[in-house]
Amino acid sequence: MKVMSILRDVILRIINLLLGFFLATVFSTLPGQTGDWTIVGSGVIVSLLEYLSWYIYTENYIKSSNFSFVNELKIGIMYGLFVDSFKLGS
């Protein structure tokens, strides 16, 4: 039973990372359709994520069960923006 719990937890973490990666692709392409707002949109997203991190870590939400969900989404979004920047640069 413990193995199933660990496996379920790992699968949920991977899904959260992939959801964050997908959201990064959506958030970076929607404002960038005109071609001028890609960098500004990504900067706003990163600023919001940094503010969210500051708020979570100062309010001691680390012990909350939703913290891991939000943290994995943030990691996925940052990774997605990183990969998108390489796609734009090549």
Protein backbone atom coordinates (compact mmCIF):
# COMPACT_ATOMS: atom_id res chain seq x y z
CA MET A 1 0.00 0.00 0.00
CA LYS A 2 2.86 2.38 0.74
CA VAL A 3 4.28 1.80 -2.74
CA MET A 4 0.98 2.82 -4.32
CA SER A 5 0.89 5.99 -2.24
CA ILE A 6 4.42 6.91 -3.30
CA LEU A 7 3.65 6.09 -6.94
CA ARG A 8 0.49 8.22 -6.85
CA ASP A 9 2.46 11.11 -5.34
CA VAL A 10 5.15 10.88 -8.02
CA ILE A 11 2.57 10.76 -10.81
CA LEU A 12 0.76 13.83 -9.42
CA ARG A 13 4.06 15.71 -9.20
CA ILE A 14 4.91 14.90 -12.81
CA ILE A 15 1.44 15.98 -13.94
CA ASN A 16 1.86 19.27 -12.06
CA LEU A 17 5.22 19.90 -13.73
CA LEU A 18 3.79 19.17 -17.17
CA LEU A 19 0.78 21.38 -16.48
CA GLY A 20 3.14 24.19 -15.54
CA PHE A 21 5.11 23.63 -18.74
CA PHE A 22 1.90 23.80 -20.77
CA LEU A 23 0.78 26.96 -18.97
CA ALA A 24 4.14 28.58 -19.72
CA THR A 25 3.68 27.86 -23.41
CA VAL A 26 0.16 29.29 -23.35
CA PHE A 27 1.12 32.36 -21.32
CA SER A 28 4.13 33.17 -23.47
CA THR A 29 2.40 32.76 -26.84
CA LEU A 30 -0.88 34.58 -26.18
CA PRO A 31 0.59 38.06 -25.61
CA GLY A 32 3.28 37.38 -28.20
CA GLN A 33 0.93 36.97 -31.14
CA THR A 34 1.61 40.52 -32.20
CA GLY A 35 5.34 39.94 -31.85
CA ASP A 36 5.97 42.85 -29.51
CA TRP A 37 4.69 41.59 -26.18
CA THR A 38 6.54 38.28 -25.76
CA ILE A 39 9.31 39.64 -23.55
CA VAL A 40 6.97 41.87 -21.56
CA GLY A 41 4.52 39.00 -21.01
CA SER A 42 7.27 36.67 -19.83
CA GLY A 43 8.63 39.36 -17.53
CA VAL A 44 5.22 39.87 -15.97
CA ILE A 45 4.81 36.11 -15.47
CA VAL A 46 8.22 35.80 -13.81
CA SER A 47 7.48 38.81 -11.60
CA LEU A 48 4.17 37.30 -10.48
CA LEU A 49 5.86 33.98 -9.72
CA GLU A 50 8.55 35.71 -7.67
CA TYR A 51 5.91 37.65 -5.74
CA LEU A 52 4.03 34.41 -5.11
CA SER A 53 7.23 32.78 -3.84
CA TRP A 54 7.92 35.72 -1.55
CA TYR A 55 4.38 35.61 -0.17
CA ILE A 56 4.40 31.85 0.41
CA TYR A 57 7.79 31.77 2.10
CA THR A 58 7.11 34.77 4.36
CA GLU A 59 3.69 33.54 5.50
CA ASN A 60 4.94 30.02 6.38
CA TYR A 61 2.64 28.19 4.00
CA ILE A 62 5.36 25.62 3.47
CA LYS A 63 3.58 23.05 5.64
CA SER A 64 0.39 23.37 3.61
CA SER A 65 -0.54 20.55 1.25
CA ASN A 66 -1.21 23.03 -1.56
CA PHE A 67 2.32 24.36 -1.31
CA SER A 68 3.82 21.45 -3.24
CA PHE A 69 1.17 21.84 -5.96
CA VAL A 70 1.91 25.55 -6.37
CA ASN A 71 5.67 25.00 -6.17
CA GLU A 72 5.62 22.32 -8.88
CA LEU A 73 3.50 24.55 -11.11
CA LYS A 74 6.03 27.36 -10.61
CA ILE A 75 8.90 25.05 -11.51
CA GLY A 76 7.05 23.89 -14.63
CA ILE A 77 6.26 27.44 -15.71
CA MET A 78 9.85 28.61 -15.22
CA TYR A 79 11.18 25.58 -17.11
CA GLY A 80 8.67 26.18 -19.91
CA LEU A 81 9.70 29.83 -20.25
CA PHE A 82 13.35 28.74 -20.29
CA VAL A 83 12.70 26.27 -23.12
CA ASP A 84 10.61 28.84 -25.04
CA SER A 85 13.46 31.33 -24.85
CA PHE A 86 15.74 28.78 -26.52
CA LYS A 87 13.12 28.17 -29.22
CA LEU A 88 12.96 31.91 -29.91
CA GLY A 89 16.73 32.29 -29.92
CA SER A 90 17.42 29.59 -32.49
